[in-house]
Amino acid sequence: MNKKLTLSIEEDLIKEAKKYARYKNQSLSSLVQKYFAMLVSDDEALEVTDLSPTVKELSGILKLEEDIDVKEEYKKHIIKKYS
């Protein structure tokens, strides 16, 4: 059963989303519904994933500075390692 939902979204983003929906020959509602379904299924997949006891024990022990870019630091590490 479909139900109406009211969202507050920036006007420019709505225009771009409508263009994208037309390009994909879909309604904006259909795109939003598919996106929400994807979010829910990803969360469920994460909850179902079993972690080993070792991973659970180690999870969260590293404390990083808030402004650190993990991907950038890893990239630097790889470049250094293979240079």
N, C-alpha and C. Protein backbone atom coordinates (compact mmCIF):
# COMPACT_ATOMS: atom_id res chain seq x y z
N MET A 1 0.84 -1.17 0.00
CA MET A 1 0.00 0.00 0.00
C MET A 1 0.89 1.24 0.00
N ASN A 2 0.68 2.13 -0.94
CA ASN A 2 1.44 3.37 -1.01
C ASN A 2 0.81 4.42 -0.12
N LYS A 3 1.66 5.25 0.45
CA LYS A 3 1.22 6.31 1.33
C LYS A 3 2.00 7.57 0.98
N LYS A 4 1.40 8.72 1.14
CA LYS A 4 2.04 9.98 0.83
C LYS A 4 3.07 10.34 1.88
N LEU A 5 4.18 10.96 1.45
CA LEU A 5 5.24 11.40 2.34
C LEU A 5 5.67 12.80 1.92
N THR A 6 5.77 13.70 2.86
CA THR A 6 6.20 15.06 2.56
C THR A 6 7.63 15.23 3.02
N LEU A 7 8.50 15.69 2.13
CA LEU A 7 9.91 15.90 2.44
C LEU A 7 10.28 17.35 2.18
N SER A 8 11.23 17.85 2.94
CA SER A 8 11.78 19.18 2.69
C SER A 8 13.18 19.01 2.11
N ILE A 9 13.34 19.41 0.85
CA ILE A 9 14.61 19.24 0.14
C ILE A 9 14.91 20.53 -0.60
N GLU A 10 16.19 20.86 -0.73
CA GLU A 10 16.59 22.06 -1.43
C GLU A 10 16.04 22.07 -2.85
N GLU A 11 15.57 23.22 -3.29
CA GLU A 11 14.92 23.36 -4.58
C GLU A 11 15.81 22.92 -5.74
N ASP A 12 17.08 23.31 -5.71
CA ASP A 12 18.00 22.93 -6.79
C ASP A 12 18.17 21.42 -6.88
N LEU A 13 18.22 20.78 -5.73
CA LEU A 13 18.36 19.32 -5.71
C LEU A 13 17.11 18.65 -6.27
N ILE A 14 15.95 19.19 -5.97
CA ILE A 14 14.70 18.64 -6.51
C ILE A 14 14.71 18.73 -8.03
N LYS A 15 15.14 19.85 -8.57
CA LYS A 15 15.19 20.02 -10.03
C LYS A 15 16.12 18.99 -10.66
N GLU A 16 17.30 18.82 -10.07
CA GLU A 16 18.26 17.85 -10.60
C GLU A 16 17.73 16.42 -10.48
N ALA A 17 17.08 16.13 -9.38
CA ALA A 17 16.52 14.79 -9.17
C ALA A 17 15.43 14.50 -10.19
N LYS A 18 14.60 15.51 -10.48
CA LYS A 18 13.54 15.33 -11.49
C LYS A 18 14.14 15.09 -12.87
N LYS A 19 15.21 15.82 -13.19
CA LYS A 19 15.90 15.59 -14.48
C LYS A 19 16.42 14.16 -14.55
N TYR A 20 17.04 13.73 -13.47
CA TYR A 20 17.58 12.38 -13.42
C TYR A 20 16.47 11.35 -13.57
N ALA A 21 15.36 11.56 -12.90
CA ALA A 21 14.23 10.63 -12.99
C ALA A 21 13.70 10.55 -14.42
N ARG A 22 13.58 11.70 -15.07
CA ARG A 22 13.13 11.70 -16.47
C ARG A 22 14.11 10.95 -17.35
N TYR A 23 15.40 11.17 -17.13
CA TYR A 23 16.45 10.49 -17.90
C TYR A 23 16.34 8.98 -17.74
N LYS A 24 16.00 8.53 -16.54
CA LYS A 24 15.87 7.10 -16.26
C LYS A 24 14.47 6.56 -16.54
N ASN A 25 13.58 7.43 -17.07
CA ASN A 25 12.19 7.05 -17.35
C ASN A 25 11.50 6.48 -16.11
N GLN A 26 11.70 7.15 -14.98
CA GLN A 26 11.08 6.73 -13.73
C GLN A 26 10.48 7.96 -13.06
N SER A 27 9.60 7.72 -12.14
CA SER A 27 9.08 8.83 -11.35
C SER A 27 10.04 9.12 -10.21
N LEU A 28 9.97 10.33 -9.71
CA LEU A 28 10.80 10.70 -8.58
C LEU A 28 10.42 9.85 -7.36
N SER A 29 9.15 9.59 -7.20
CA SER A 29 8.69 8.74 -6.08
C SER A 29 9.31 7.35 -6.17
N SER A 30 9.38 6.82 -7.38
CA SER A 30 9.96 5.50 -7.57
C SER A 30 11.44 5.49 -7.20
N LEU A 31 12.16 6.53 -7.59
CA LEU A 31 13.58 6.62 -7.25
C LEU A 31 13.78 6.71 -5.74
N VAL A 32 12.98 7.53 -5.08
CA VAL A 32 13.09 7.68 -3.63
C VAL A 32 12.75 6.36 -2.94
N GLN A 33 11.71 5.69 -3.41
CA GLN A 33 11.33 4.41 -2.82
C GLN A 33 12.45 3.40 -2.96
N LYS A 34 13.06 3.33 -4.15
CA LYS A 34 14.15 2.38 -4.36
C LYS A 34 15.35 2.72 -3.48
N TYR A 35 15.62 4.02 -3.32
CA TYR A 35 16.73 4.44 -2.47
C TYR A 35 16.49 4.04 -1.02
N PHE A 36 15.28 4.31 -0.53
CA PHE A 36 14.95 3.92 0.84
C PHE A 36 15.05 2.41 1.02
N ALA A 37 14.59 1.65 0.04
CA ALA A 37 14.67 0.19 0.11
C ALA A 37 16.12 -0.26 0.18
N MET A 38 16.99 0.41 -0.59
CA MET A 38 18.41 0.08 -0.57
C MET A 38 19.01 0.38 0.80
N LEU A 39 18.65 1.52 1.38
CA LEU A 39 19.17 1.87 2.71
C LEU A 39 18.78 0.83 3.74
N VAL A 40 17.53 0.44 3.72
CA VAL A 40 17.04 -0.54 4.69
C VAL A 40 17.72 -1.88 4.49
N SER A 41 17.87 -2.31 3.25
CA SER A 41 18.49 -3.61 3.00
C SER A 41 19.96 -3.59 3.38
N ASP A 42 20.67 -2.47 3.18
CA ASP A 42 22.07 -2.37 3.58
C ASP A 42 22.20 -2.45 5.10
N ASP A 43 21.32 -1.77 5.82
CA ASP A 43 21.36 -1.81 7.28
C ASP A 43 21.10 -3.23 7.78
N GLU A 44 20.13 -3.89 7.17
CA GLU A 44 19.82 -5.26 7.57
C GLU A 44 21.01 -6.17 7.30
N ALA A 45 21.67 -5.96 6.15
CA ALA A 45 22.82 -6.78 5.81
C ALA A 45 23.94 -6.57 6.82
N LEU A 46 24.12 -5.33 7.27
CA LEU A 46 25.15 -5.06 8.26
C LEU A 46 24.83 -5.71 9.60
N GLU A 47 23.55 -5.71 9.96
CA GLU A 47 23.16 -6.31 11.23
C GLU A 47 23.30 -7.82 11.21
N VAL A 48 23.07 -8.42 10.05
CA VAL A 48 23.13 -9.87 9.93
C VAL A 48 24.57 -10.37 9.91
N THR A 49 25.49 -9.52 9.43
CA THR A 49 26.88 -9.93 9.32
C THR A 49 27.43 -10.28 10.70
N ASP A 50 27.92 -11.50 10.82
CA ASP A 50 28.51 -11.94 12.08
C ASP A 50 29.99 -11.60 12.08
N LEU A 51 30.44 -10.99 13.15
CA LEU A 51 31.84 -10.68 13.32
C LEU A 51 32.49 -11.73 14.21
N SER A 52 33.73 -12.03 13.89
CA SER A 52 34.44 -13.00 14.73
C SER A 52 34.67 -12.38 16.11
N PRO A 53 34.85 -13.19 17.13
CA PRO A 53 35.11 -12.66 18.47
C PRO A 53 36.33 -11.72 18.50
N THR A 54 37.35 -12.05 17.72
CA THR A 54 38.55 -11.20 17.69
C THR A 54 38.23 -9.83 17.13
N VAL A 55 37.47 -9.78 16.04
CA VAL A 55 37.10 -8.50 15.44
C VAL A 55 36.22 -7.71 16.41
N LYS A 56 35.28 -8.37 17.05
CA LYS A 56 34.43 -7.69 18.03
C LYS A 56 35.27 -7.09 19.16
N GLU A 57 36.27 -7.85 19.62
CA GLU A 57 37.13 -7.40 20.71
C GLU A 57 37.96 -6.18 20.30
N LEU A 58 38.44 -6.18 19.06
CA LEU A 58 39.29 -5.09 18.59
C LEU A 58 38.51 -3.88 18.08
N SER A 59 37.26 -4.08 17.81
CA SER A 59 36.44 -3.02 17.24
C SER A 59 36.39 -1.80 18.16
N GLY A 60 36.77 -0.64 17.60
CA GLY A 60 36.68 0.61 18.33
C GLY A 60 37.85 0.96 19.21
N ILE A 61 38.95 0.17 19.18
CA ILE A 61 40.07 0.48 20.08
C ILE A 61 40.95 1.60 19.54
N LEU A 62 40.91 1.85 18.24
CA LEU A 62 41.70 2.94 17.67
C LEU A 62 40.94 4.24 17.78
N LYS A 63 41.60 5.24 18.27
CA LYS A 63 41.01 6.57 18.35
C LYS A 63 41.77 7.48 17.40
N LEU A 64 41.10 7.96 16.36
CA LEU A 64 41.73 8.82 15.36
C LEU A 64 41.32 10.27 15.59
N GLU A 65 42.20 11.16 15.15
CA GLU A 65 41.86 12.57 15.20
C GLU A 65 40.65 12.78 14.28
N GLU A 66 39.78 13.70 14.65
CA GLU A 66 38.55 13.91 13.88
C GLU A 66 38.81 14.42 12.47
N ASP A 67 39.89 15.18 12.27
CA ASP A 67 40.13 15.78 10.96
C ASP A 67 40.97 14.90 10.04
N ILE A 68 41.25 13.68 10.44
CA ILE A 68 42.08 12.80 9.61
C ILE A 68 41.26 12.21 8.47
N ASP A 69 41.85 12.19 7.28
CA ASP A 69 41.23 11.60 6.10
C ASP A 69 41.82 10.20 5.93
N VAL A 70 41.09 9.19 6.36
CA VAL A 70 41.60 7.83 6.38
C VAL A 70 41.99 7.36 4.98
N LYS A 71 41.16 7.66 3.99
CA LYS A 71 41.46 7.23 2.62
C LYS A 71 42.75 7.88 2.12
N GLU A 72 42.92 9.15 2.41
CA GLU A 72 44.12 9.86 1.97
C GLU A 72 45.36 9.30 2.66
N GLU A 73 45.26 9.02 3.95
CA GLU A 73 46.38 8.45 4.68
C GLU A 73 46.74 7.07 4.14
N TYR A 74 45.73 6.28 3.81
CA TYR A 74 45.99 4.95 3.24
C TYR A 74 46.66 5.07 1.88
N LYS A 75 46.20 6.03 1.10
CA LYS A 75 46.80 6.28 -0.22
C LYS A 75 48.29 6.63 -0.06
N LYS A 76 48.61 7.51 0.88
CA LYS A 76 50.00 7.87 1.14
C LYS A 76 50.81 6.65 1.56
N HIS A 77 50.22 5.81 2.40
CA HIS A 77 50.89 4.60 2.86
C HIS A 77 51.23 3.67 1.68
N ILE A 78 50.27 3.47 0.80
CA ILE A 78 50.48 2.59 -0.36
C ILE A 78 51.55 3.15 -1.30
N ILE A 79 51.49 4.47 -1.54
CA ILE A 79 52.50 5.09 -2.40
C ILE A 79 53.89 4.93 -1.80
N LYS A 80 54.01 5.16 -0.50
CA LYS A 80 55.30 5.03 0.18
C LYS A 80 55.76 3.58 0.12
N LYS A 81 54.84 2.65 0.36
CA LYS A 81 55.19 1.23 0.41
C LYS A 81 55.71 0.74 -0.94
N TYR A 82 55.10 1.17 -2.02
CA TYR A 82 55.47 0.63 -3.33
C TYR A 82 56.34 1.58 -4.16
N SER A 83 56.88 2.61 -3.53
CA SER A 83 57.78 3.54 -4.24
C SER A 83 59.21 3.09 -4.14
